[in-house]
Amino acid sequence: KRWVSDELHGLLGISEGTLVDYVIALAKRSKDEAALLSALRDNDIPIDDKSRAFAVKLIKKVPRGEDTGAVARAAKQKQQEKDRQAQQVNMLKQNQEYTLLEDDGEEE
């Protein structure tokens, strides 16, 4: 947050806390630096070499929304593995209940 504040002060001459939070939120929602630059342009921030370098660095520093998708997929896979293991345990318990039938020696 401090780094973003310092960079915004260099780019715009201001670094208000609300603006810093807003730019960080924009970066989190942006999939790449081009999307972030577009969002900055839409908010009247001039796009030049300095702002492009800022966008590249910020995208690398800030976790983005797609990261939560990866976390959700990993959690889902983990739950599926737990479910599969529970199913295997249940099958093993059920298999232990089976016994062999004895042959009474009579043939039909």
PDB file of N, CA and C in Angstrom:
ATOM      1  N   LYS A   1       0.831  -1.180   0.000  1.00  0.00           N
ATOM      2  CA  LYS A   1       0.000   0.000   0.000  1.00  0.00           C
ATOM      3  C   LYS A   1       0.879   1.249   0.000  1.00  0.00           C
ATOM      4  N   ARG A   2       1.947   1.195   0.769  1.00  0.00           N
ATOM      5  CA  ARG A   2       2.860   2.345   0.828  1.00  0.00           C
ATOM      6  C   ARG A   2       3.510   2.566  -0.544  1.00  0.00           C
ATOM      7  N   TRP A   3       3.909   1.465  -1.187  1.00  0.00           N
ATOM      8  CA  TRP A   3       4.544   1.582  -2.492  1.00  0.00           C
ATOM      9  C   TRP A   3       3.579   2.209  -3.501  1.00  0.00           C
ATOM     10  N   VAL A   4       2.329   1.773  -3.497  1.00  0.00           N
ATOM     11  CA  VAL A   4       1.322   2.325  -4.414  1.00  0.00           C
ATOM     12  C   VAL A   4       1.145   3.817  -4.145  1.00  0.00           C
ATOM     13  N   SER A   5       1.092   4.179  -2.878  1.00  0.00           N
ATOM     14  CA  SER A   5       0.949   5.585  -2.505  1.00  0.00           C
ATOM     15  C   SER A   5       2.105   6.415  -3.045  1.00  0.00           C
ATOM     16  N   ASP A   6       3.321   5.926  -2.872  1.00  0.00           N
ATOM     17  CA  ASP A   6       4.499   6.651  -3.368  1.00  0.00           C
ATOM     18  C   ASP A   6       4.481   6.767  -4.891  1.00  0.00           C
ATOM     19  N   GLU A   7       4.109   5.678  -5.567  1.00  0.00           N
ATOM     20  CA  GLU A   7       4.063   5.698  -7.030  1.00  0.00           C
ATOM     21  C   GLU A   7       2.982   6.657  -7.549  1.00  0.00           C
ATOM     22  N   LEU A   8       1.820   6.643  -6.912  1.00  0.00           N
ATOM     23  CA  LEU A   8       0.749   7.550  -7.338  1.00  0.00           C
ATOM     24  C   LEU A   8       1.151   9.004  -7.131  1.00  0.00           C
ATOM     25  N   HIS A   9       1.866   9.270  -6.050  1.00  0.00           N
ATOM     26  CA  HIS A   9       2.338  10.635  -5.813  1.00  0.00           C
ATOM     27  C   HIS A   9       3.288  11.060  -6.934  1.00  0.00           C
ATOM     28  N   GLY A  10       4.141  10.131  -7.366  1.00  0.00           N
ATOM     29  CA  GLY A  10       5.044  10.437  -8.476  1.00  0.00           C
ATOM     30  C   GLY A  10       4.317  10.624  -9.800  1.00  0.00           C
ATOM     31  N   LEU A  11       3.237   9.860 -10.010  1.00  0.00           N
ATOM     32  CA  LEU A  11       2.491   9.946 -11.267  1.00  0.00           C
ATOM     33  C   LEU A  11       1.538  11.136 -11.314  1.00  0.00           C
ATOM     34  N   LEU A  12       0.814  11.339 -10.213  1.00  0.00           N
ATOM     35  CA  LEU A  12      -0.276  12.316 -10.218  1.00  0.00           C
ATOM     36  C   LEU A  12      -0.031  13.545  -9.346  1.00  0.00           C
ATOM     37  N   GLY A  13       0.957  13.434  -8.467  1.00  0.00           N
ATOM     38  CA  GLY A  13       1.197  14.529  -7.536  1.00  0.00           C
ATOM     39  C   GLY A  13       0.332  14.428  -6.289  1.00  0.00           C
ATOM     40  N   ILE A  14      -0.506  13.405  -6.197  1.00  0.00           N
ATOM     41  CA  ILE A  14      -1.321  13.169  -5.002  1.00  0.00           C
ATOM     42  C   ILE A  14      -1.289  11.672  -4.673  1.00  0.00           C
ATOM     43  N   SER A  15      -1.534  11.369  -3.412  1.00  0.00           N
ATOM     44  CA  SER A  15      -1.600   9.958  -3.024  1.00  0.00           C
ATOM     45  C   SER A  15      -2.546   9.805  -1.838  1.00  0.00           C
ATOM     46  N   GLU A  16      -3.765  10.179  -2.041  1.00  0.00           N
ATOM     47  CA  GLU A  16      -4.808  10.079  -1.025  1.00  0.00           C
ATOM     48  C   GLU A  16      -5.123   8.610  -0.732  1.00  0.00           C
ATOM     49  N   GLY A  17      -5.420   8.286   0.525  1.00  0.00           N
ATOM     50  CA  GLY A  17      -5.672   6.906   0.940  1.00  0.00           C
ATOM     51  C   GLY A  17      -6.784   6.226   0.160  1.00  0.00           C
ATOM     52  N   THR A  18      -7.865   6.945  -0.096  1.00  0.00           N
ATOM     53  CA  THR A  18      -8.983   6.378  -0.837  1.00  0.00           C
ATOM     54  C   THR A  18      -8.580   6.051  -2.269  1.00  0.00           C
ATOM     55  N   LEU A  19      -7.788   6.942  -2.864  1.00  0.00           N
ATOM     56  CA  LEU A  19      -7.301   6.716  -4.232  1.00  0.00           C
ATOM     57  C   LEU A  19      -6.389   5.489  -4.274  1.00  0.00           C
ATOM     58  N   VAL A  20      -5.524   5.362  -3.283  1.00  0.00           N
ATOM     59  CA  VAL A  20      -4.621   4.210  -3.207  1.00  0.00           C
ATOM     60  C   VAL A  20      -5.434   2.916  -3.135  1.00  0.00           C
ATOM     61  N   ASP A  21      -6.428   2.883  -2.248  1.00  0.00           N
ATOM     62  CA  ASP A  21      -7.278   1.695  -2.114  1.00  0.00           C
ATOM     63  C   ASP A  21      -8.010   1.391  -3.422  1.00  0.00           C
ATOM     64  N   TYR A  22      -8.475   2.419  -4.099  1.00  0.00           N
ATOM     65  CA  TYR A  22      -9.204   2.240  -5.345  1.00  0.00           C
ATOM     66  C   TYR A  22      -8.300   1.652  -6.436  1.00  0.00           C
ATOM     67  N   VAL A  23      -7.093   2.170  -6.545  1.00  0.00           N
ATOM     68  CA  VAL A  23      -6.163   1.676  -7.569  1.00  0.00           C
ATOM     69  C   VAL A  23      -5.775   0.227  -7.270  1.00  0.00           C
ATOM     70  N   ILE A  24      -5.583  -0.101  -6.004  1.00  0.00           N
ATOM     71  CA  ILE A  24      -5.281  -1.486  -5.633  1.00  0.00           C
ATOM     72  C   ILE A  24      -6.453  -2.397  -6.004  1.00  0.00           C
ATOM     73  N   ALA A  25      -7.670  -1.938  -5.748  1.00  0.00           N
ATOM     74  CA  ALA A  25      -8.853  -2.724  -6.115  1.00  0.00           C
ATOM     75  C   ALA A  25      -8.939  -2.912  -7.627  1.00  0.00           C
ATOM     76  N   LEU A  26      -8.617  -1.872  -8.387  1.00  0.00           N
ATOM     77  CA  LEU A  26      -8.595  -1.997  -9.848  1.00  0.00           C
ATOM     78  C   LEU A  26      -7.583  -3.056 -10.284  1.00  0.00           C
ATOM     79  N   ALA A  27      -6.429  -3.048  -9.654  1.00  0.00           N
ATOM     80  CA  ALA A  27      -5.382  -4.015 -10.006  1.00  0.00           C
ATOM     81  C   ALA A  27      -5.818  -5.437  -9.679  1.00  0.00           C
ATOM     82  N   LYS A  28      -6.509  -5.620  -8.560  1.00  0.00           N
ATOM     83  CA  LYS A  28      -6.969  -6.952  -8.173  1.00  0.00           C
ATOM     84  C   LYS A  28      -7.983  -7.498  -9.170  1.00  0.00           C
ATOM     85  N   ARG A  29      -8.794  -6.616  -9.734  1.00  0.00           N
ATOM     86  CA  ARG A  29      -9.821  -7.058 -10.694  1.00  0.00           C
ATOM     87  C   ARG A  29      -9.285  -7.202 -12.113  1.00  0.00           C
ATOM     88  N   SER A  30      -8.130  -6.624 -12.381  1.00  0.00           N
ATOM     89  CA  SER A  30      -7.576  -6.650 -13.742  1.00  0.00           C
ATOM     90  C   SER A  30      -6.841  -7.958 -13.982  1.00  0.00           C
ATOM     91  N   LYS A  31      -7.044  -8.515 -15.184  1.00  0.00           N
ATOM     92  CA  LYS A  31      -6.385  -9.791 -15.489  1.00  0.00           C
ATOM     93  C   LYS A  31      -4.941  -9.605 -15.915  1.00  0.00           C
ATOM     94  N   ASP A  32      -4.594  -8.416 -16.428  1.00  0.00           N
ATOM     95  CA  ASP A  32      -3.218  -8.142 -16.844  1.00  0.00           C
ATOM     96  C   ASP A  32      -2.987  -6.638 -16.862  1.00  0.00           C
ATOM     97  N   GLU A  33      -1.748  -6.256 -17.237  1.00  0.00           N
ATOM     98  CA  GLU A  33      -1.437  -4.828 -17.201  1.00  0.00           C
ATOM     99  C   GLU A  33      -2.231  -4.022 -18.216  1.00  0.00           C
ATOM    100  N   ALA A  34      -2.590  -4.613 -19.344  1.00  0.00           N
ATOM    101  CA  ALA A  34      -3.391  -3.894 -20.346  1.00  0.00           C
ATOM    102  C   ALA A  34      -4.770  -3.551 -19.785  1.00  0.00           C
ATOM    103  N   ALA A  35      -5.365  -4.499 -19.068  1.00  0.00           N
ATOM    104  CA  ALA A  35      -6.676  -4.245 -18.456  1.00  0.00           C
ATOM    105  C   ALA A  35      -6.566  -3.171 -17.379  1.00  0.00           C
ATOM    106  N   LEU A  36      -5.473  -3.224 -16.608  1.00  0.00           N
ATOM    107  CA  LEU A  36      -5.271  -2.206 -15.580  1.00  0.00           C
ATOM    108  C   LEU A  36      -5.062  -0.836 -16.204  1.00  0.00           C
ATOM    109  N   LEU A  37      -4.263  -0.768 -17.262  1.00  0.00           N
ATOM    110  CA  LEU A  37      -4.054   0.516 -17.951  1.00  0.00           C
ATOM    111  C   LEU A  37      -5.366   1.067 -18.498  1.00  0.00           C
ATOM    112  N   SER A  38      -6.194   0.207 -19.044  1.00  0.00           N
ATOM    113  CA  SER A  38      -7.493   0.634 -19.554  1.00  0.00           C
ATOM    114  C   SER A  38      -8.355   1.207 -18.427  1.00  0.00           C
ATOM    115  N   ALA A  39      -8.357   0.525 -17.281  1.00  0.00           N
ATOM    116  CA  ALA A  39      -9.135   1.002 -16.136  1.00  0.00           C
ATOM    117  C   ALA A  39      -8.586   2.331 -15.618  1.00  0.00           C
ATOM    118  N   LEU A  40      -7.261   2.465 -15.605  1.00  0.00           N
ATOM    119  CA  LEU A  40      -6.663   3.740 -15.175  1.00  0.00           C
ATOM    120  C   LEU A  40      -7.033   4.860 -16.142  1.00  0.00           C
ATOM    121  N   ARG A  41      -6.985   4.562 -17.457  1.00  0.00           N
ATOM    122  CA  ARG A  41      -7.346   5.553 -18.471  1.00  0.00           C
ATOM    123  C   ARG A  41      -8.806   5.979 -18.301  1.00  0.00           C
ATOM    124  N   ASP A  42      -9.678   4.993 -18.020  1.00  0.00           N
ATOM    125  CA  ASP A  42     -11.099   5.291 -17.818  1.00  0.00           C
ATOM    126  C   ASP A  42     -11.327   6.202 -16.616  1.00  0.00           C
ATOM    127  N   ASN A  43     -10.361   6.214 -15.701  1.00  0.00           N
ATOM    128  CA  ASN A  43     -10.463   7.060 -14.505  1.00  0.00           C
ATOM    129  C   ASN A  43      -9.581   8.299 -14.610  1.00  0.00           C
ATOM    130  N   ASP A  44      -9.317   8.709 -15.844  1.00  0.00           N
ATOM    131  CA  ASP A  44      -8.600   9.958 -16.142  1.00  0.00           C
ATOM    132  C   ASP A  44      -7.167  10.009 -15.631  1.00  0.00           C
ATOM    133  N   ILE A  45      -6.531   8.861 -15.517  1.00  0.00           N
ATOM    134  CA  ILE A  45      -5.109   8.846 -15.179  1.00  0.00           C
ATOM    135  C   ILE A  45      -4.349   8.792 -16.501  1.00  0.00           C
ATOM    136  N   PRO A  46      -3.438   9.760 -16.717  1.00  0.00           N
ATOM    137  CA  PRO A  46      -2.725   9.807 -17.996  1.00  0.00           C
ATOM    138  C   PRO A  46      -1.849   8.572 -18.193  1.00  0.00           C
ATOM    139  N   ILE A  47      -1.879   8.044 -19.406  1.00  0.00           N
ATOM    140  CA  ILE A  47      -1.095   6.860 -19.740  1.00  0.00           C
ATOM    141  C   ILE A  47       0.162   7.299 -20.482  1.00  0.00           C
ATOM    142  N   ASP A  48       1.291   7.023 -19.860  1.00  0.00           N
ATOM    143  CA  ASP A  48       2.592   7.297 -20.460  1.00  0.00           C
ATOM    144  C   ASP A  48       3.552   6.193 -20.020  1.00  0.00           C
ATOM    145  N   ASP A  49       4.831   6.366 -20.280  1.00  0.00           N
ATOM    146  CA  ASP A  49       5.797   5.322 -19.928  1.00  0.00           C
ATOM    147  C   ASP A  49       5.827   5.056 -18.424  1.00  0.00           C
ATOM    148  N   LYS A  50       5.713   6.122 -17.638  1.00  0.00           N
ATOM    149  CA  LYS A  50       5.748   5.957 -16.181  1.00  0.00           C
ATOM    150  C   LYS A  50       4.524   5.181 -15.681  1.00  0.00           C
ATOM    151  N   SER A  51       3.352   5.497 -16.218  1.00  0.00           N
ATOM    152  CA  SER A  51       2.138   4.801 -15.774  1.00  0.00           C
ATOM    153  C   SER A  51       2.129   3.351 -16.273  1.00  0.00           C
ATOM    154  N   ARG A  52       2.722   3.104 -17.444  1.00  0.00           N
ATOM    155  CA  ARG A  52       2.827   1.716 -17.928  1.00  0.00           C
ATOM    156  C   ARG A  52       3.735   0.890 -17.021  1.00  0.00           C
ATOM    157  N   ALA A  53       4.871   1.470 -16.637  1.00  0.00           N
ATOM    158  CA  ALA A  53       5.794   0.771 -15.734  1.00  0.00           C
ATOM    159  C   ALA A  53       5.121   0.523 -14.384  1.00  0.00           C
ATOM    160  N   PHE A  54       4.366   1.500 -13.919  1.00  0.00           N
ATOM    161  CA  PHE A  54       3.628   1.354 -12.660  1.00  0.00           C
ATOM    162  C   PHE A  54       2.626   0.200 -12.764  1.00  0.00           C
ATOM    163  N   ALA A  55       1.898   0.133 -13.871  1.00  0.00           N
ATOM    164  CA  ALA A  55       0.899  -0.928 -14.047  1.00  0.00           C
ATOM    165  C   ALA A  55       1.552  -2.309 -14.068  1.00  0.00           C
ATOM    166  N   VAL A  56       2.666  -2.441 -14.750  1.00  0.00           N
ATOM    167  CA  VAL A  56       3.372  -3.723 -14.819  1.00  0.00           C
ATOM    168  C   VAL A  56       3.807  -4.156 -13.423  1.00  0.00           C
ATOM    169  N   LYS A  57       4.417  -3.242 -12.678  1.00  0.00           N
ATOM    170  CA  LYS A  57       4.889  -3.570 -11.327  1.00  0.00           C
ATOM    171  C   LYS A  57       3.723  -3.882 -10.394  1.00  0.00           C
ATOM    172  N   LEU A  58       2.657  -3.101 -10.502  1.00  0.00           N
ATOM    173  CA  LEU A  58       1.514  -3.294  -9.607  1.00  0.00           C
ATOM    174  C   LEU A  58       0.833  -4.636  -9.860  1.00  0.00           C
ATOM    175  N   ILE A  59       0.678  -5.012 -11.113  1.00  0.00           N
ATOM    176  CA  ILE A  59       0.062  -6.303 -11.440  1.00  0.00           C
ATOM    177  C   ILE A  59       0.871  -7.445 -10.829  1.00  0.00           C
ATOM    178  N   LYS A  60       2.193  -7.320 -10.831  1.00  0.00           N
ATOM    179  CA  LYS A  60       3.043  -8.360 -10.259  1.00  0.00           C
ATOM    180  C   LYS A  60       2.952  -8.412  -8.737  1.00  0.00           C
ATOM    181  N   LYS A  61       2.683  -7.276  -8.115  1.00  0.00           N
ATOM    182  CA  LYS A  61       2.657  -7.196  -6.647  1.00  0.00           C
ATOM    183  C   LYS A  61       1.316  -7.577  -6.028  1.00  0.00           C
ATOM    184  N   VAL A  62       0.230  -7.335  -6.748  1.00  0.00           N
ATOM    185  CA  VAL A  62      -1.108  -7.481  -6.167  1.00  0.00           C
ATOM    186  C   VAL A  62      -1.730  -8.816  -6.568  1.00  0.00           C
ATOM    187  N   PRO A  63      -2.242  -9.581  -5.573  1.00  0.00           N
ATOM    188  CA  PRO A  63      -2.977 -10.803  -5.949  1.00  0.00           C
ATOM    189  C   PRO A  63      -4.274 -10.422  -6.647  1.00  0.00           C
ATOM    190  N   ARG A  64      -4.579 -11.128  -7.723  1.00  0.00           N
ATOM    191  CA  ARG A  64      -5.763 -10.780  -8.499  1.00  0.00           C
ATOM    192  C   ARG A  64      -6.871 -11.790  -8.305  1.00  0.00           C
ATOM    193  N   GLY A  65      -8.056 -11.462  -8.823  1.00  0.00           N
ATOM    194  CA  GLY A  65      -9.238 -12.303  -8.683  1.00  0.00           C
ATOM    195  C   GLY A  65      -9.071 -13.704  -9.208  1.00  0.00           C
ATOM    196  N   GLU A  66      -8.282 -13.884 -10.247  1.00  0.00           N
ATOM    197  CA  GLU A  66      -8.109 -15.221 -10.800  1.00  0.00           C
ATOM    198  C   GLU A  66      -7.397 -16.138  -9.810  1.00  0.00           C
ATOM    199  N   ASP A  67      -6.641 -15.567  -8.874  1.00  0.00           N
ATOM    200  CA  ASP A  67      -5.996 -16.378  -7.848  1.00  0.00           C
ATOM    201  C   ASP A  67      -7.027 -17.071  -6.974  1.00  0.00           C
ATOM    202  N   THR A  68      -8.118 -16.397  -6.703  1.00  0.00           N
ATOM    203  CA  THR A  68      -9.156 -17.021  -5.882  1.00  0.00           C
ATOM    204  C   THR A  68      -9.799 -18.176  -6.615  1.00  0.00           C
ATOM    205  N   GLY A  69      -9.864 -18.109  -7.934  1.00  0.00           N
ATOM    206  CA  GLY A  69     -10.382 -19.235  -8.719  1.00  0.00           C
ATOM    207  C   GLY A  69      -9.489 -20.447  -8.573  1.00  0.00           C
ATOM    208  N   ALA A  70      -8.189 -20.236  -8.576  1.00  0.00           N
ATOM    209  CA  ALA A  70      -7.254 -21.349  -8.396  1.00  0.00           C
ATOM    210  C   ALA A  70      -7.395 -21.944  -7.005  1.00  0.00           C
ATOM    211  N   VAL A  71      -7.583 -21.093  -6.022  1.00  0.00           N
ATOM    212  CA  VAL A  71      -7.772 -21.576  -4.647  1.00  0.00           C
ATOM    213  C   VAL A  71      -9.060 -22.382  -4.548  1.00  0.00           C
ATOM    214  N   ALA A  72     -10.110 -21.904  -5.184  1.00  0.00           N
ATOM    215  CA  ALA A  72     -11.391 -22.622  -5.157  1.00  0.00           C
ATOM    216  C   ALA A  72     -11.277 -23.977  -5.843  1.00  0.00           C
ATOM    217  N   ARG A  73     -10.570 -24.021  -6.976  1.00  0.00           N
ATOM    218  CA  ARG A  73     -10.373 -25.304  -7.667  1.00  0.00           C
ATOM    219  C   ARG A  73      -9.574 -26.275  -6.807  1.00  0.00           C
ATOM    220  N   ALA A  74      -8.544 -25.769  -6.143  1.00  0.00           N
ATOM    221  CA  ALA A  74      -7.732 -26.632  -5.276  1.00  0.00           C
ATOM    222  C   ALA A  74      -8.565 -27.160  -4.109  1.00  0.00           C
ATOM    223  N   ALA A  75      -9.409 -26.310  -3.533  1.00  0.00           N
ATOM    224  CA  ALA A  75     -10.270 -26.743  -2.436  1.00  0.00           C
ATOM    225  C   ALA A  75     -11.264 -27.798  -2.913  1.00  0.00           C
ATOM    226  N   LYS A  76     -11.797 -27.610  -4.112  1.00  0.00           N
ATOM    227  CA  LYS A  76     -12.739 -28.584  -4.665  1.00  0.00           C
ATOM    228  C   LYS A  76     -12.059 -29.924  -4.906  1.00  0.00           C
ATOM    229  N   GLN A  77     -10.839 -29.893  -5.453  1.00  0.00           N
ATOM    230  CA  GLN A  77     -10.093 -31.129  -5.685  1.00  0.00           C
ATOM    231  C   GLN A  77      -9.790 -31.839  -4.372  1.00  0.00           C
ATOM    232  N   LYS A  78      -9.436 -31.064  -3.362  1.00  0.00           N
ATOM    233  CA  LYS A  78      -9.139 -31.651  -2.055  1.00  0.00           C
ATOM    234  C   LYS A  78     -10.382 -32.322  -1.478  1.00  0.00           C
ATOM    235  N   GLN A  79     -11.525 -31.667  -1.605  1.00  0.00           N
ATOM    236  CA  GLN A  79     -12.780 -32.248  -1.107  1.00  0.00           C
ATOM    237  C   GLN A  79     -13.142 -33.508  -1.882  1.00  0.00           C
ATOM    238  N   GLN A  80     -12.937 -33.495  -3.194  1.00  0.00           N
ATOM    239  CA  GLN A  80     -13.225 -34.679  -3.996  1.00  0.00           C
ATOM    240  C   GLN A  80     -12.338 -35.850  -3.584  1.00  0.00           C
ATOM    241  N   GLU A  81     -11.078 -35.566  -3.279  1.00  0.00           N
ATOM    242  CA  GLU A  81     -10.161 -36.614  -2.837  1.00  0.00           C
ATOM    243  C   GLU A  81     -10.600 -37.180  -1.477  1.00  0.00           C
ATOM    244  N   LYS A  82     -11.034 -36.305  -0.578  1.00  0.00           N
ATOM    245  CA  LYS A  82     -11.532 -36.765   0.728  1.00  0.00           C
ATOM    246  C   LYS A  82     -12.769 -37.637   0.552  1.00  0.00           C
ATOM    247  N   ASP A  83     -13.662 -37.235  -0.332  1.00  0.00           N
ATOM    248  CA  ASP A  83     -14.874 -38.017  -0.600  1.00  0.00           C
ATOM    249  C   ASP A  83     -14.520 -39.387  -1.177  1.00  0.00           C
ATOM    250  N   ARG A  84     -13.555 -39.407  -2.087  1.00  0.00           N
ATOM    251  CA  ARG A  84     -13.126 -40.662  -2.700  1.00  0.00           C
ATOM    252  C   ARG A  84     -12.521 -41.595  -1.643  1.00  0.00           C
ATOM    253  N   GLN A  85     -11.714 -41.044  -0.755  1.00  0.00           N
ATOM    254  CA  GLN A  85     -11.104 -41.851   0.302  1.00  0.00           C
ATOM    255  C   GLN A  85     -12.170 -42.400   1.254  1.00  0.00           C
ATOM    256  N   ALA A  86     -13.160 -41.577   1.588  1.00  0.00           N
ATOM    257  CA  ALA A  86     -14.246 -42.036   2.464  1.00  0.00           C
ATOM    258  C   ALA A  86     -15.020 -43.168   1.797  1.00  0.00           C
ATOM    259  N   GLN A  87     -15.238 -43.052   0.492  1.00  0.00           N
ATOM    260  CA  GLN A  87     -15.940 -44.097  -0.250  1.00  0.00           C
ATOM    261  C   GLN A  87     -15.123 -45.396  -0.237  1.00  0.00           C
ATOM    262  N   GLN A  88     -13.823 -45.297  -0.379  1.00  0.00           N
ATOM    263  CA  GLN A  88     -12.970 -46.487  -0.330  1.00  0.00           C
ATOM    264  C   GLN A  88     -13.025 -47.158   1.036  1.00  0.00           C
ATOM    265  N   VAL A  89     -13.000 -46.358   2.104  1.00  0.00           N
ATOM    266  CA  VAL A  89     -13.085 -46.910   3.460  1.00  0.00           C
ATOM    267  C   VAL A  89     -14.404 -47.647   3.639  1.00  0.00           C
ATOM    268  N   ASN A  90     -15.490 -47.055   3.168  1.00  0.00           N
ATOM    269  CA  ASN A  90     -16.802 -47.700   3.273  1.00  0.00           C
ATOM    270  C   ASN A  90     -16.843 -49.018   2.500  1.00  0.00           C
ATOM    271  N   MET A  91     -16.239 -49.041   1.320  1.00  0.00           N
ATOM    272  CA  MET A  91     -16.215 -50.277   0.535  1.00  0.00           C
ATOM    273  C   MET A  91     -15.396 -51.359   1.243  1.00  0.00           C
ATOM    274  N   LEU A  92     -14.285 -50.982   1.848  1.00  0.00           N
ATOM    275  CA  LEU A  92     -13.468 -51.958   2.580  1.00  0.00           C
ATOM    276  C   LEU A  92     -14.232 -52.531   3.770  1.00  0.00           C
ATOM    277  N   LYS A  93     -14.952 -51.681   4.489  1.00  0.00           N
ATOM    278  CA  LYS A  93     -15.764 -52.157   5.618  1.00  0.00           C
ATOM    279  C   LYS A  93     -16.842 -53.122   5.137  1.00  0.00           C
ATOM    280  N   GLN A  94     -17.476 -52.782   4.049  1.00  0.00           N
ATOM    281  CA  GLN A  94     -18.524 -53.639   3.498  1.00  0.00           C
ATOM    282  C   GLN A  94     -17.924 -54.971   3.031  1.00  0.00           C
ATOM    283  N   ASN A  95     -16.762 -54.943   2.420  1.00  0.00           N
ATOM    284  CA  ASN A  95     -16.110 -56.175   1.962  1.00  0.00           C
ATOM    285  C   ASN A  95     -15.756 -57.097   3.130  1.00  0.00           C
ATOM    286  N   GLN A  96     -15.444 -56.530   4.282  1.00  0.00           N
ATOM    287  CA  GLN A  96     -15.096 -57.340   5.447  1.00  0.00           C
ATOM    288  C   GLN A  96     -16.309 -58.094   5.991  1.00  0.00           C
ATOM    289  N   GLU A  97     -17.492 -57.628   5.698  1.00  0.00           N
ATOM    290  CA  GLU A  97     -18.715 -58.284   6.166  1.00  0.00           C
ATOM    291  C   GLU A  97     -19.057 -59.522   5.340  1.00  0.00           C
ATOM    292  N   TYR A  98     -18.498 -59.633   4.152  1.00  0.00           N
ATOM    293  CA  TYR A  98     -18.769 -60.794   3.309  1.00  0.00           C
ATOM    294  C   TYR A  98     -18.014 -62.010   3.846  1.00  0.00           C
ATOM    295  N   THR A  99     -18.656 -63.180   3.759  1.00  0.00           N
ATOM    296  CA  THR A  99     -18.002 -64.426   4.159  1.00  0.00           C
ATOM    297  C   THR A  99     -18.167 -65.446   3.044  1.00  0.00           C
ATOM    298  N   LEU A 100     -17.365 -66.475   3.127  1.00  0.00           N
ATOM    299  CA  LEU A 100     -17.463 -67.545   2.145  1.00  0.00           C
ATOM    300  C   LEU A 100     -18.603 -68.475   2.527  1.00  0.00           C
ATOM    301  N   LEU A 101     -19.272 -68.985   1.536  1.00  0.00           N
ATOM    302  CA  LEU A 101     -20.329 -69.958   1.770  1.00  0.00           C
ATOM    303  C   LEU A 101     -19.705 -71.346   1.835  1.00  0.00           C
ATOM    304  N   GLU A 102     -20.197 -72.125   2.751  1.00  0.00           N
ATOM    305  CA  GLU A 102     -19.673 -73.492   2.861  1.00  0.00           C
ATOM    306  C   GLU A 102     -20.440 -74.397   1.921  1.00  0.00           C
ATOM    307  N   ASP A 103     -19.731 -75.351   1.361  1.00  0.00           N
ATOM    308  CA  ASP A 103     -20.310 -76.303   0.447  1.00  0.00           C
ATOM    309  C   ASP A 103     -20.864 -77.465   1.275  1.00  0.00           C
ATOM    310  N   ASP A 104     -22.154 -77.764   1.099  1.00  0.00           N
ATOM    311  CA  ASP A 104     -22.750 -78.833   1.894  1.00  0.00           C
ATOM    312  C   ASP A 104     -22.565 -80.225   1.241  1.00  0.00           C
ATOM    313  N   GLY A 105     -21.890 -80.223   0.121  1.00  0.00           N
ATOM    314  CA  GLY A 105     -21.567 -81.489  -0.518  1.00  0.00           C
ATOM    315  C   GLY A 105     -22.642 -82.062  -1.410  1.00  0.00           C
ATOM    316  N   GLU A 106     -23.791 -81.501  -1.443  1.00  0.00           N
ATOM    317  CA  GLU A 106     -24.881 -82.009  -2.274  1.00  0.00           C
ATOM    318  C   GLU A 106     -24.847 -81.335  -3.635  1.00  0.00           C
ATOM    319  N   GLU A 107     -24.927 -82.160  -4.665  1.00  0.00           N
ATOM    320  CA  GLU A 107     -25.007 -81.606  -5.997  1.00  0.00           C
ATOM    321  C   GLU A 107     -26.379 -81.909  -6.573  1.00  0.00           C
ATOM    322  N   GLU A 108     -26.866 -81.059  -7.358  1.00  0.00           N
ATOM    323  CA  GLU A 108     -28.181 -81.275  -7.937  1.00  0.00           C
ATOM    324  C   GLU A 108     -28.121 -81.800  -9.315  1.00  0.00           C
TER     325      GLU A 108
END
